Full PDB file with SEQRES, HELIX, SHEET, SSBOND, CRYST1, ORIGX, SCALE, CONECT and MASTER records, all heavy atoms in Angstrom:
SEQRES   1 A   40  MET TYR CYS SER GLN ILE SER ASP LEU ILE SER ALA LEU          
SEQRES   2 A   40  ILE ILE TYR LEU CYS GLY PHE VAL PHE PHE PHE LYS LEU          
SEQRES   3 A   40  TRP LEU ASN ARG LEU LEU ASP LYS ARG ASP GLU LYS ARG          
SEQRES   4 A   40  ALA                                                          
HELIX    1 AA1 ILE A    6  CYS A   18  1                                  13    
HELIX    2 AA2 VAL A   21  ARG A   39  1                                  19    
CRYST1    1.000    1.000    1.000  90.00  90.00  90.00 P 1           1          
ORIGX1      1.000000  0.000000  0.000000        0.00000                         
ORIGX2      0.000000  1.000000  0.000000        0.00000                         
ORIGX3      0.000000  0.000000  1.000000        0.00000                         
SCALE1      1.000000  0.000000  0.000000        0.00000                         
SCALE2      0.000000  1.000000  0.000000        0.00000                         
SCALE3      0.000000  0.000000  1.000000        0.00000                         
ATOM      1  N   MET A   1      69.128 148.569 180.321  1.00  0.00           N  
ATOM      2  CA  MET A   1      68.115 148.460 179.265  1.00  0.00           C  
ATOM      3  C   MET A   1      67.385 147.115 179.297  1.00  0.00           C  
ATOM      4  O   MET A   1      66.186 147.048 179.084  1.00  0.00           O  
ATOM      5  CB  MET A   1      68.768 148.634 177.885  1.00  0.00           C  
ATOM      6  CG  MET A   1      69.331 150.015 177.625  1.00  0.00           C  
ATOM      7  SD  MET A   1      69.955 150.123 175.921  1.00  0.00           S  
ATOM      8  CE  MET A   1      70.527 151.824 175.887  1.00  0.00           C  
ATOM      9  N   TYR A   2      68.155 146.039 179.554  1.00  0.00           N  
ATOM     10  CA  TYR A   2      67.577 144.704 179.501  1.00  0.00           C  
ATOM     11  C   TYR A   2      68.076 143.890 180.692  1.00  0.00           C  
ATOM     12  O   TYR A   2      69.124 144.179 181.271  1.00  0.00           O  
ATOM     13  CB  TYR A   2      67.972 143.974 178.216  1.00  0.00           C  
ATOM     14  CG  TYR A   2      67.797 144.783 176.952  1.00  0.00           C  
ATOM     15  CD1 TYR A   2      68.880 145.419 176.352  1.00  0.00           C  
ATOM     16  CD2 TYR A   2      66.546 144.926 176.357  1.00  0.00           C  
ATOM     17  CE1 TYR A   2      68.731 146.166 175.196  1.00  0.00           C  
ATOM     18  CE2 TYR A   2      66.383 145.668 175.198  1.00  0.00           C  
ATOM     19  CZ  TYR A   2      67.473 146.285 174.636  1.00  0.00           C  
ATOM     20  OH  TYR A   2      67.317 147.028 173.497  1.00  0.00           O  
ATOM     21  N   CYS A   3      67.319 142.833 181.017  1.00  0.00           N  
ATOM     22  CA  CYS A   3      67.776 141.905 182.049  1.00  0.00           C  
ATOM     23  C   CYS A   3      68.648 140.836 181.392  1.00  0.00           C  
ATOM     24  O   CYS A   3      68.509 140.557 180.202  1.00  0.00           O  
ATOM     25  CB  CYS A   3      66.590 141.250 182.767  1.00  0.00           C  
ATOM     26  SG  CYS A   3      65.548 140.239 181.703  1.00  0.00           S  
ATOM     27  N   SER A   4      69.538 140.239 182.180  1.00  0.00           N  
ATOM     28  CA  SER A   4      70.473 139.253 181.621  1.00  0.00           C  
ATOM     29  C   SER A   4      69.748 137.986 181.172  1.00  0.00           C  
ATOM     30  O   SER A   4      70.280 137.197 180.392  1.00  0.00           O  
ATOM     31  CB  SER A   4      71.536 138.886 182.664  1.00  0.00           C  
ATOM     32  OG  SER A   4      70.930 138.361 183.826  1.00  0.00           O  
ATOM     33  N   GLN A   5      68.501 137.782 181.654  1.00  0.00           N  
ATOM     34  CA  GLN A   5      67.739 136.579 181.276  1.00  0.00           C  
ATOM     35  C   GLN A   5      67.230 136.628 179.839  1.00  0.00           C  
ATOM     36  O   GLN A   5      66.569 135.695 179.393  1.00  0.00           O  
ATOM     37  CB  GLN A   5      66.547 136.386 182.221  1.00  0.00           C  
ATOM     38  CG  GLN A   5      66.914 135.852 183.589  1.00  0.00           C  
ATOM     39  CD  GLN A   5      67.506 136.910 184.496  1.00  0.00           C  
ATOM     40  OE1 GLN A   5      67.346 138.097 184.251  1.00  0.00           O  
ATOM     41  NE2 GLN A   5      68.189 136.487 185.534  1.00  0.00           N  
ATOM     42  N   ILE A   6      67.522 137.714 179.117  1.00  0.00           N  
ATOM     43  CA  ILE A   6      67.072 137.808 177.729  1.00  0.00           C  
ATOM     44  C   ILE A   6      67.666 136.678 176.893  1.00  0.00           C  
ATOM     45  O   ILE A   6      67.043 136.182 175.958  1.00  0.00           O  
ATOM     46  CB  ILE A   6      67.430 139.191 177.114  1.00  0.00           C  
ATOM     47  CG1 ILE A   6      66.701 139.388 175.776  1.00  0.00           C  
ATOM     48  CG2 ILE A   6      68.922 139.356 176.948  1.00  0.00           C  
ATOM     49  CD1 ILE A   6      65.213 139.512 175.894  1.00  0.00           C  
ATOM     50  N   SER A   7      68.875 136.239 177.266  1.00  0.00           N  
ATOM     51  CA  SER A   7      69.493 135.115 176.548  1.00  0.00           C  
ATOM     52  C   SER A   7      68.720 133.818 176.817  1.00  0.00           C  
ATOM     53  O   SER A   7      68.628 132.944 175.947  1.00  0.00           O  
ATOM     54  CB  SER A   7      70.956 134.948 176.953  1.00  0.00           C  
ATOM     55  OG  SER A   7      71.068 134.726 178.345  1.00  0.00           O  
ATOM     56  N   ASP A   8      68.167 133.690 178.031  1.00  0.00           N  
ATOM     57  CA  ASP A   8      67.338 132.521 178.338  1.00  0.00           C  
ATOM     58  C   ASP A   8      66.066 132.527 177.495  1.00  0.00           C  
ATOM     59  O   ASP A   8      65.572 131.468 177.090  1.00  0.00           O  
ATOM     60  CB  ASP A   8      66.972 132.498 179.825  1.00  0.00           C  
ATOM     61  CG  ASP A   8      68.185 132.299 180.720  1.00  0.00           C  
ATOM     62  OD1 ASP A   8      69.128 131.611 180.272  1.00  0.00           O  
ATOM     63  OD2 ASP A   8      68.201 132.820 181.838  1.00  0.00           O  
ATOM     64  N   LEU A   9      65.546 133.727 177.239  1.00  0.00           N  
ATOM     65  CA  LEU A   9      64.356 133.848 176.388  1.00  0.00           C  
ATOM     66  C   LEU A   9      64.668 133.361 174.975  1.00  0.00           C  
ATOM     67  O   LEU A   9      63.890 132.619 174.372  1.00  0.00           O  
ATOM     68  CB  LEU A   9      63.875 135.295 176.354  1.00  0.00           C  
ATOM     69  CG  LEU A   9      62.768 135.611 175.334  1.00  0.00           C  
ATOM     70  CD1 LEU A   9      61.498 134.838 175.667  1.00  0.00           C  
ATOM     71  CD2 LEU A   9      62.488 137.108 175.272  1.00  0.00           C  
ATOM     72  N   ILE A  10      65.826 133.771 174.450  1.00  0.00           N  
ATOM     73  CA  ILE A  10      66.218 133.347 173.105  1.00  0.00           C  
ATOM     74  C   ILE A  10      66.404 131.825 173.068  1.00  0.00           C  
ATOM     75  O   ILE A  10      65.980 131.155 172.122  1.00  0.00           O  
ATOM     76  CB  ILE A  10      67.498 134.077 172.659  1.00  0.00           C  
ATOM     77  CG1 ILE A  10      67.217 135.586 172.520  1.00  0.00           C  
ATOM     78  CG2 ILE A  10      68.026 133.514 171.346  1.00  0.00           C  
ATOM     79  CD1 ILE A  10      68.439 136.424 172.249  1.00  0.00           C  
ATOM     80  N   SER A  11      67.020 131.265 174.132  1.00  0.00           N  
ATOM     81  CA  SER A  11      67.183 129.815 174.217  1.00  0.00           C  
ATOM     82  C   SER A  11      65.823 129.124 174.211  1.00  0.00           C  
ATOM     83  O   SER A  11      65.625 128.110 173.542  1.00  0.00           O  
ATOM     84  CB  SER A  11      67.941 129.434 175.493  1.00  0.00           C  
ATOM     85  OG  SER A  11      69.231 129.980 175.496  1.00  0.00           O  
ATOM     86  N   ALA A  12      64.865 129.701 174.964  1.00  0.00           N  
ATOM     87  CA  ALA A  12      63.523 129.128 175.032  1.00  0.00           C  
ATOM     88  C   ALA A  12      62.837 129.162 173.670  1.00  0.00           C  
ATOM     89  O   ALA A  12      62.137 128.217 173.288  1.00  0.00           O  
ATOM     90  CB  ALA A  12      62.688 129.880 176.064  1.00  0.00           C  
ATOM     91  N   LEU A  13      63.051 130.242 172.925  1.00  0.00           N  
ATOM     92  CA  LEU A  13      62.464 130.348 171.579  1.00  0.00           C  
ATOM     93  C   LEU A  13      63.035 129.271 170.664  1.00  0.00           C  
ATOM     94  O   LEU A  13      62.308 128.641 169.889  1.00  0.00           O  
ATOM     95  CB  LEU A  13      62.752 131.738 170.996  1.00  0.00           C  
ATOM     96  CG  LEU A  13      61.985 132.906 171.622  1.00  0.00           C  
ATOM     97  CD1 LEU A  13      62.578 134.230 171.161  1.00  0.00           C  
ATOM     98  CD2 LEU A  13      60.513 132.831 171.261  1.00  0.00           C  
ATOM     99  N   ILE A  14      64.346 129.056 170.778  1.00  0.00           N  
ATOM    100  CA  ILE A  14      64.997 128.034 169.952  1.00  0.00           C  
ATOM    101  C   ILE A  14      64.464 126.649 170.318  1.00  0.00           C  
ATOM    102  O   ILE A  14      64.212 125.808 169.453  1.00  0.00           O  
ATOM    103  CB  ILE A  14      66.527 128.110 170.115  1.00  0.00           C  
ATOM    104  CG1 ILE A  14      67.058 129.420 169.508  1.00  0.00           C  
ATOM    105  CG2 ILE A  14      67.212 126.912 169.448  1.00  0.00           C  
ATOM    106  CD1 ILE A  14      68.507 129.702 169.823  1.00  0.00           C  
ATOM    107  N   ILE A  15      64.273 126.409 171.641  1.00  0.00           N  
ATOM    108  CA  ILE A  15      63.719 125.132 172.093  1.00  0.00           C  
ATOM    109  C   ILE A  15      62.336 124.921 171.486  1.00  0.00           C  
ATOM    110  O   ILE A  15      62.001 123.841 170.993  1.00  0.00           O  
ATOM    111  CB  ILE A  15      63.618 125.093 173.630  1.00  0.00           C  
ATOM    112  CG1 ILE A  15      64.996 125.224 174.270  1.00  0.00           C  
ATOM    113  CG2 ILE A  15      62.960 123.792 174.104  1.00  0.00           C  
ATOM    114  CD1 ILE A  15      64.957 125.517 175.749  1.00  0.00           C  
ATOM    115  N   TYR A  16      61.523 125.969 171.555  1.00  0.00           N  
ATOM    116  CA  TYR A  16      60.161 125.875 171.020  1.00  0.00           C  
ATOM    117  C   TYR A  16      60.194 125.545 169.529  1.00  0.00           C  
ATOM    118  O   TYR A  16      59.443 124.692 169.041  1.00  0.00           O  
ATOM    119  CB  TYR A  16      59.429 127.189 171.256  1.00  0.00           C  
ATOM    120  CG  TYR A  16      58.012 127.213 170.717  1.00  0.00           C  
ATOM    121  CD1 TYR A  16      56.982 126.580 171.400  1.00  0.00           C  
ATOM    122  CD2 TYR A  16      57.717 127.861 169.523  1.00  0.00           C  
ATOM    123  CE1 TYR A  16      55.687 126.585 170.905  1.00  0.00           C  
ATOM    124  CE2 TYR A  16      56.424 127.879 169.014  1.00  0.00           C  
ATOM    125  CZ  TYR A  16      55.420 127.237 169.710  1.00  0.00           C  
ATOM    126  OH  TYR A  16      54.136 127.245 169.215  1.00  0.00           O  
ATOM    127  N   LEU A  17      61.081 126.208 168.816  1.00  0.00           N  
ATOM    128  CA  LEU A  17      61.174 125.991 167.368  1.00  0.00           C  
ATOM    129  C   LEU A  17      61.680 124.591 167.035  1.00  0.00           C  
ATOM    130  O   LEU A  17      61.364 124.057 165.969  1.00  0.00           O  
ATOM    131  CB  LEU A  17      62.097 127.046 166.753  1.00  0.00           C  
ATOM    132  CG  LEU A  17      61.520 128.474 166.727  1.00  0.00           C  
ATOM    133  CD1 LEU A  17      62.622 129.484 166.446  1.00  0.00           C  
ATOM    134  CD2 LEU A  17      60.417 128.591 165.684  1.00  0.00           C  
ATOM    135  N   CYS A  18      62.452 123.994 167.956  1.00  0.00           N  
ATOM    136  CA  CYS A  18      62.947 122.631 167.734  1.00  0.00           C  
ATOM    137  C   CYS A  18      61.803 121.632 167.598  1.00  0.00           C  
ATOM    138  O   CYS A  18      61.957 120.567 167.003  1.00  0.00           O  
ATOM    139  CB  CYS A  18      63.868 122.205 168.876  1.00  0.00           C  
ATOM    140  SG  CYS A  18      65.514 122.935 168.791  1.00  0.00           S  
ATOM    141  N   GLY A  19      60.650 121.993 168.158  1.00  0.00           N  
ATOM    142  CA  GLY A  19      59.486 121.132 168.027  1.00  0.00           C  
ATOM    143  C   GLY A  19      58.982 121.039 166.597  1.00  0.00           C  
ATOM    144  O   GLY A  19      58.207 120.135 166.266  1.00  0.00           O  
ATOM    145  N   PHE A  20      59.421 121.966 165.749  1.00  0.00           N  
ATOM    146  CA  PHE A  20      58.969 121.973 164.361  1.00  0.00           C  
ATOM    147  C   PHE A  20      59.988 121.334 163.416  1.00  0.00           C  
ATOM    148  O   PHE A  20      59.847 121.424 162.205  1.00  0.00           O  
ATOM    149  CB  PHE A  20      58.688 123.415 163.917  1.00  0.00           C  
ATOM    150  CG  PHE A  20      57.545 124.047 164.645  1.00  0.00           C  
ATOM    151  CD1 PHE A  20      57.769 124.809 165.782  1.00  0.00           C  
ATOM    152  CD2 PHE A  20      56.240 123.865 164.216  1.00  0.00           C  
ATOM    153  CE1 PHE A  20      56.710 125.391 166.473  1.00  0.00           C  
ATOM    154  CE2 PHE A  20      55.183 124.446 164.885  1.00  0.00           C  
ATOM    155  CZ  PHE A  20      55.413 125.205 166.030  1.00  0.00           C  
ATOM    156  N   VAL A  21      61.044 120.712 163.990  1.00  0.00           N  
ATOM    157  CA  VAL A  21      62.070 120.067 163.157  1.00  0.00           C  
ATOM    158  C   VAL A  21      61.450 118.994 162.265  1.00  0.00           C  
ATOM    159  O   VAL A  21      61.761 118.888 161.074  1.00  0.00           O  
ATOM    160  CB  VAL A  21      63.183 119.470 164.046  1.00  0.00           C  
ATOM    161  CG1 VAL A  21      64.088 118.552 163.223  1.00  0.00           C  
ATOM    162  CG2 VAL A  21      64.010 120.578 164.683  1.00  0.00           C  
ATOM    163  N   PHE A  22      60.542 118.185 162.839  1.00  0.00           N  
ATOM    164  CA  PHE A  22      59.892 117.117 162.069  1.00  0.00           C  
ATOM    165  C   PHE A  22      59.126 117.712 160.884  1.00  0.00           C  
ATOM    166  O   PHE A  22      59.188 117.198 159.768  1.00  0.00           O  
ATOM    167  CB  PHE A  22      58.943 116.329 162.970  1.00  0.00           C  
ATOM    168  CG  PHE A  22      58.087 115.340 162.228  1.00  0.00           C  
ATOM    169  CD1 PHE A  22      58.617 114.140 161.783  1.00  0.00           C  
ATOM    170  CD2 PHE A  22      56.757 115.623 161.940  1.00  0.00           C  
ATOM    171  CE1 PHE A  22      57.831 113.227 161.093  1.00  0.00           C  
ATOM    172  CE2 PHE A  22      55.968 114.726 161.255  1.00  0.00           C  
ATOM    173  CZ  PHE A  22      56.509 113.526 160.830  1.00  0.00           C  
ATOM    174  N   PHE A  23      58.401 118.814 161.130  1.00  0.00           N  
ATOM    175  CA  PHE A  23      57.614 119.436 160.069  1.00  0.00           C  
ATOM    176  C   PHE A  23      58.516 120.057 159.004  1.00  0.00           C  
ATOM    177  O   PHE A  23      58.184 120.059 157.829  1.00  0.00           O  
ATOM    178  CB  PHE A  23      56.674 120.490 160.659  1.00  0.00           C  
ATOM    179  CG  PHE A  23      55.667 119.929 161.604  1.00  0.00           C  
ATOM    180  CD1 PHE A  23      55.837 120.025 162.966  1.00  0.00           C  
ATOM    181  CD2 PHE A  23      54.558 119.242 161.121  1.00  0.00           C  
ATOM    182  CE1 PHE A  23      54.907 119.486 163.845  1.00  0.00           C  
ATOM    183  CE2 PHE A  23      53.627 118.696 161.982  1.00  0.00           C  
ATOM    184  CZ  PHE A  23      53.801 118.818 163.356  1.00  0.00           C  
ATOM    185  N   PHE A  24      59.688 120.552 159.445  1.00  0.00           N  
ATOM    186  CA  PHE A  24      60.657 121.091 158.491  1.00  0.00           C  
ATOM    187  C   PHE A  24      61.153 119.983 157.555  1.00  0.00           C  
ATOM    188  O   PHE A  24      61.228 120.165 156.333  1.00  0.00           O  
ATOM    189  CB  PHE A  24      61.836 121.725 159.235  1.00  0.00           C  
ATOM    190  CG  PHE A  24      62.947 122.183 158.328  1.00  0.00           C  
ATOM    191  CD1 PHE A  24      62.898 123.424 157.709  1.00  0.00           C  
ATOM    192  CD2 PHE A  24      64.048 121.365 158.086  1.00  0.00           C  
ATOM    193  CE1 PHE A  24      63.922 123.840 156.867  1.00  0.00           C  
ATOM    194  CE2 PHE A  24      65.070 121.769 157.243  1.00  0.00           C  
ATOM    195  CZ  PHE A  24      64.996 123.017 156.635  1.00  0.00           C  
ATOM    196  N   LYS A  25      61.470 118.826 158.137  1.00  0.00           N  
ATOM    197  CA  LYS A  25      61.934 117.695 157.324  1.00  0.00           C  
ATOM    198  C   LYS A  25      60.837 117.233 156.369  1.00  0.00           C  
ATOM    199  O   LYS A  25      61.106 116.921 155.204  1.00  0.00           O  
ATOM    200  CB  LYS A  25      62.365 116.544 158.234  1.00  0.00           C  
ATOM    201  CG  LYS A  25      63.659 116.783 159.000  1.00  0.00           C  
ATOM    202  CD  LYS A  25      64.005 115.545 159.807  1.00  0.00           C  
ATOM    203  CE  LYS A  25      65.323 115.717 160.531  1.00  0.00           C  
ATOM    204  NZ  LYS A  25      65.677 114.521 161.321  1.00  0.00           N  
ATOM    205  N   LEU A  26      59.610 117.188 156.877  1.00  0.00           N  
ATOM    206  CA  LEU A  26      58.472 116.772 156.053  1.00  0.00           C  
ATOM    207  C   LEU A  26      58.277 117.730 154.892  1.00  0.00           C  
ATOM    208  O   LEU A  26      58.092 117.308 153.737  1.00  0.00           O  
ATOM    209  CB  LEU A  26      57.206 116.715 156.912  1.00  0.00           C  
ATOM    210  CG  LEU A  26      55.958 116.108 156.266  1.00  0.00           C  
ATOM    211  CD1 LEU A  26      56.180 114.627 155.970  1.00  0.00           C  
ATOM    212  CD2 LEU A  26      54.749 116.298 157.176  1.00  0.00           C  
ATOM    213  N   TRP A  27      58.358 119.029 155.176  1.00  0.00           N  
ATOM    214  CA  TRP A  27      58.210 120.048 154.133  1.00  0.00           C  
ATOM    215  C   TRP A  27      59.332 119.946 153.107  1.00  0.00           C  
ATOM    216  O   TRP A  27      59.094 120.025 151.890  1.00  0.00           O  
ATOM    217  CB  TRP A  27      58.200 121.431 154.771  1.00  0.00           C  
ATOM    218  CG  TRP A  27      58.298 122.550 153.783  1.00  0.00           C  
ATOM    219  CD1 TRP A  27      57.314 123.097 153.027  1.00  0.00           C  
ATOM    220  CD2 TRP A  27      59.510 123.260 153.433  1.00  0.00           C  
ATOM    221  NE1 TRP A  27      57.814 124.089 152.229  1.00  0.00           N  
ATOM    222  CE2 TRP A  27      59.152 124.212 152.453  1.00  0.00           C  
ATOM    223  CE3 TRP A  27      60.836 123.174 153.849  1.00  0.00           C  
ATOM    224  CZ2 TRP A  27      60.092 125.075 151.891  1.00  0.00           C  
ATOM    225  CZ3 TRP A  27      61.769 124.038 153.293  1.00  0.00           C  
ATOM    226  CH2 TRP A  27      61.386 124.967 152.327  1.00  0.00           C  
ATOM    227  N   LEU A  28      60.571 119.747 153.586  1.00  0.00           N  
ATOM    228  CA  LEU A  28      61.716 119.650 152.685  1.00  0.00           C  
ATOM    229  C   LEU A  28      61.603 118.430 151.783  1.00  0.00           C  
ATOM    230  O   LEU A  28      61.859 118.518 150.572  1.00  0.00           O  
ATOM    231  CB  LEU A  28      63.011 119.594 153.502  1.00  0.00           C  
ATOM    232  CG  LEU A  28      64.317 119.498 152.701  1.00  0.00           C  
ATOM    233  CD1 LEU A  28      64.476 120.703 151.778  1.00  0.00           C  
ATOM    234  CD2 LEU A  28      65.525 119.389 153.642  1.00  0.00           C  
ATOM    235  N   ASN A  29      61.210 117.299 152.339  1.00  0.00           N  
ATOM    236  CA  ASN A  29      61.070 116.077 151.531  1.00  0.00           C  
ATOM    237  C   ASN A  29      59.970 116.217 150.482  1.00  0.00           C  
ATOM    238  O   ASN A  29      60.107 115.736 149.356  1.00  0.00           O  
ATOM    239  CB  ASN A  29      60.795 114.879 152.439  1.00  0.00           C  
ATOM    240  CG  ASN A  29      62.047 114.401 153.165  1.00  0.00           C  
ATOM    241  OD1 ASN A  29      63.134 114.406 152.603  1.00  0.00           O  
ATOM    242  ND2 ASN A  29      61.890 114.007 154.421  1.00  0.00           N  
ATOM    243  N   ARG A  30      58.877 116.872 150.855  1.00  0.00           N  
ATOM    244  CA  ARG A  30      57.812 117.106 149.874  1.00  0.00           C  
ATOM    245  C   ARG A  30      58.281 118.018 148.758  1.00  0.00           C  
ATOM    246  O   ARG A  30      57.955 117.804 147.584  1.00  0.00           O  
ATOM    247  CB  ARG A  30      56.601 117.716 150.581  1.00  0.00           C  
ATOM    248  CG  ARG A  30      55.793 116.712 151.387  1.00  0.00           C  
ATOM    249  CD  ARG A  30      54.600 117.367 152.046  1.00  0.00           C  
ATOM    250  NE  ARG A  30      53.789 116.396 152.772  1.00  0.00           N  
ATOM    251  CZ  ARG A  30      52.726 116.728 153.500  1.00  0.00           C  
ATOM    252  NH1 ARG A  30      52.344 117.991 153.589  1.00  0.00           N  
ATOM    253  NH2 ARG A  30      52.033 115.788 154.134  1.00  0.00           N  
ATOM    254  N   LEU A  31      59.053 119.029 149.129  1.00  0.00           N  
ATOM    255  CA  LEU A  31      59.598 119.957 148.140  1.00  0.00           C  
ATOM    256  C   LEU A  31      60.536 119.233 147.184  1.00  0.00           C  
ATOM    257  O   LEU A  31      60.495 119.440 145.957  1.00  0.00           O  
ATOM    258  CB  LEU A  31      60.330 121.099 148.853  1.00  0.00           C  
ATOM    259  CG  LEU A  31      60.789 122.283 147.987  1.00  0.00           C  
ATOM    260  CD1 LEU A  31      59.577 123.061 147.471  1.00  0.00           C  
ATOM    261  CD2 LEU A  31      61.698 123.209 148.797  1.00  0.00           C  
ATOM    262  N   LEU A  32      61.371 118.345 147.735  1.00  0.00           N  
ATOM    263  CA  LEU A  32      62.300 117.570 146.904  1.00  0.00           C  
ATOM    264  C   LEU A  32      61.550 116.593 146.003  1.00  0.00           C  
ATOM    265  O   LEU A  32      61.943 116.381 144.850  1.00  0.00           O  
ATOM    266  CB  LEU A  32      63.289 116.818 147.801  1.00  0.00           C  
ATOM    267  CG  LEU A  32      64.296 117.678 148.585  1.00  0.00           C  
ATOM    268  CD1 LEU A  32      65.064 116.827 149.577  1.00  0.00           C  
ATOM    269  CD2 LEU A  32      65.259 118.388 147.636  1.00  0.00           C  
ATOM    270  N   ASP A  33      60.469 116.002 146.534  1.00  0.00           N  
ATOM    271  CA  ASP A  33      59.667 115.073 145.725  1.00  0.00           C  
ATOM    272  C   ASP A  33      59.046 115.793 144.521  1.00  0.00           C  
ATOM    273  O   ASP A  33      59.054 115.273 143.395  1.00  0.00           O  
ATOM    274  CB  ASP A  33      58.552 114.453 146.576  1.00  0.00           C  
ATOM    275  CG  ASP A  33      59.095 113.447 147.576  1.00  0.00           C  
ATOM    276  OD1 ASP A  33      60.222 112.958 147.360  1.00  0.00           O  
ATOM    277  OD2 ASP A  33      58.408 113.166 148.570  1.00  0.00           O  
ATOM    278  N   LYS A  34      58.518 116.980 144.764  1.00  0.00           N  
ATOM    279  CA  LYS A  34      57.911 117.763 143.679  1.00  0.00           C  
ATOM    280  C   LYS A  34      58.951 118.147 142.640  1.00  0.00           C  
ATOM    281  O   LYS A  34      58.702 118.108 141.435  1.00  0.00           O  
ATOM    282  CB  LYS A  34      57.250 119.014 144.249  1.00  0.00           C  
ATOM    283  CG  LYS A  34      55.963 118.738 145.011  1.00  0.00           C  
ATOM    284  CD  LYS A  34      55.341 120.026 145.533  1.00  0.00           C  
ATOM    285  CE  LYS A  34      54.050 119.742 146.285  1.00  0.00           C  
ATOM    286  NZ  LYS A  34      53.454 120.985 146.828  1.00  0.00           N  
ATOM    287  N   ARG A  35      60.158 118.512 143.123  1.00  0.00           N  
ATOM    288  CA  ARG A  35      61.231 118.886 142.198  1.00  0.00           C  
ATOM    289  C   ARG A  35      61.647 117.700 141.338  1.00  0.00           C  
ATOM    290  O   ARG A  35      61.842 117.832 140.126  1.00  0.00           O  
ATOM    291  CB  ARG A  35      62.430 119.420 142.989  1.00  0.00           C  
ATOM    292  CG  ARG A  35      63.525 120.023 142.130  1.00  0.00           C  
ATOM    293  CD  ARG A  35      64.788 120.280 142.914  1.00  0.00           C  
ATOM    294  NE  ARG A  35      65.398 119.030 143.355  1.00  0.00           N  
ATOM    295  CZ  ARG A  35      66.553 118.977 144.033  1.00  0.00           C  
ATOM    296  NH1 ARG A  35      67.170 120.092 144.354  1.00  0.00           N  
ATOM    297  NH2 ARG A  35      67.051 117.814 144.405  1.00  0.00           N  
ATOM    298  N   ASP A  36      61.768 116.529 141.987  1.00  0.00           N  
ATOM    299  CA  ASP A  36      62.161 115.323 141.251  1.00  0.00           C  
ATOM    300  C   ASP A  36      61.096 114.911 140.233  1.00  0.00           C  
ATOM    301  O   ASP A  36      61.412 114.484 139.112  1.00  0.00           O  
ATOM    302  CB  ASP A  36      62.418 114.168 142.232  1.00  0.00           C  
ATOM    303  CG  ASP A  36      63.665 114.400 143.070  1.00  0.00           C  
ATOM    304  OD1 ASP A  36      64.479 115.267 142.691  1.00  0.00           O  
ATOM    305  OD2 ASP A  36      63.822 113.724 144.101  1.00  0.00           O  
ATOM    306  N   GLU A  37      59.833 115.051 140.635  1.00  0.00           N  
ATOM    307  CA  GLU A  37      58.745 114.733 139.710  1.00  0.00           C  
ATOM    308  C   GLU A  37      58.749 115.675 138.511  1.00  0.00           C  
ATOM    309  O   GLU A  37      58.529 115.258 137.365  1.00  0.00           O  
ATOM    310  CB  GLU A  37      57.397 114.823 140.433  1.00  0.00           C  
ATOM    311  CG  GLU A  37      57.150 113.682 141.410  1.00  0.00           C  
ATOM    312  CD  GLU A  37      55.891 113.890 142.225  1.00  0.00           C  
ATOM    313  OE1 GLU A  37      55.153 114.866 141.942  1.00  0.00           O  
ATOM    314  OE2 GLU A  37      55.640 113.082 143.145  1.00  0.00           O  
ATOM    315  N   LYS A  38      59.017 116.941 138.777  1.00  0.00           N  
ATOM    316  CA  LYS A  38      59.061 117.930 137.704  1.00  0.00           C  
ATOM    317  C   LYS A  38      60.209 117.634 136.738  1.00  0.00           C  
ATOM    318  O   LYS A  38      60.050 117.708 135.518  1.00  0.00           O  
ATOM    319  CB  LYS A  38      59.207 119.328 138.310  1.00  0.00           C  
ATOM    320  CG  LYS A  38      59.070 120.452 137.305  1.00  0.00           C  
ATOM    321  CD  LYS A  38      59.145 121.798 138.012  1.00  0.00           C  
ATOM    322  CE  LYS A  38      59.033 122.949 137.001  1.00  0.00           C  
ATOM    323  NZ  LYS A  38      59.116 124.274 137.663  1.00  0.00           N  
ATOM    324  N   ARG A  39      61.371 117.273 137.291  1.00  0.00           N  
ATOM    325  CA  ARG A  39      62.532 116.952 136.445  1.00  0.00           C  
ATOM    326  C   ARG A  39      62.273 115.695 135.617  1.00  0.00           C  
ATOM    327  O   ARG A  39      62.631 115.616 134.443  1.00  0.00           O  
ATOM    328  CB  ARG A  39      63.773 116.750 137.322  1.00  0.00           C  
ATOM    329  CG  ARG A  39      64.386 118.051 137.818  1.00  0.00           C  
ATOM    330  CD  ARG A  39      65.622 117.760 138.641  1.00  0.00           C  
ATOM    331  NE  ARG A  39      66.274 118.979 139.071  1.00  0.00           N  
ATOM    332  CZ  ARG A  39      67.317 119.008 139.896  1.00  0.00           C  
ATOM    333  NH1 ARG A  39      67.818 117.880 140.353  1.00  0.00           N  
ATOM    334  NH2 ARG A  39      67.859 120.159 140.246  1.00  0.00           N  
ATOM    335  N   ALA A  40      61.631 114.698 136.258  1.00  0.00           N  
ATOM    336  CA  ALA A  40      61.333 113.452 135.546  1.00  0.00           C  
ATOM    337  C   ALA A  40      60.360 113.708 134.397  1.00  0.00           C  
ATOM    338  O   ALA A  40      60.512 113.147 133.296  1.00  0.00           O  
ATOM    339  CB  ALA A  40      60.745 112.434 136.517  1.00  0.00           C  
TER     340      ALA A  40                                                      
MASTER        0    0    0    2    0    0    0    6  339    1    0    4          
END                                                                             
């Protein structure tokens, strides 16, 4: 049904998504800032 390299494809997708780690942190910090401002 599938070639064994399908796992390499999944690894490649994870690698690609790792490029968005910085943006994830930026989004999370902004979300936390808004929450803290709302609580204050």
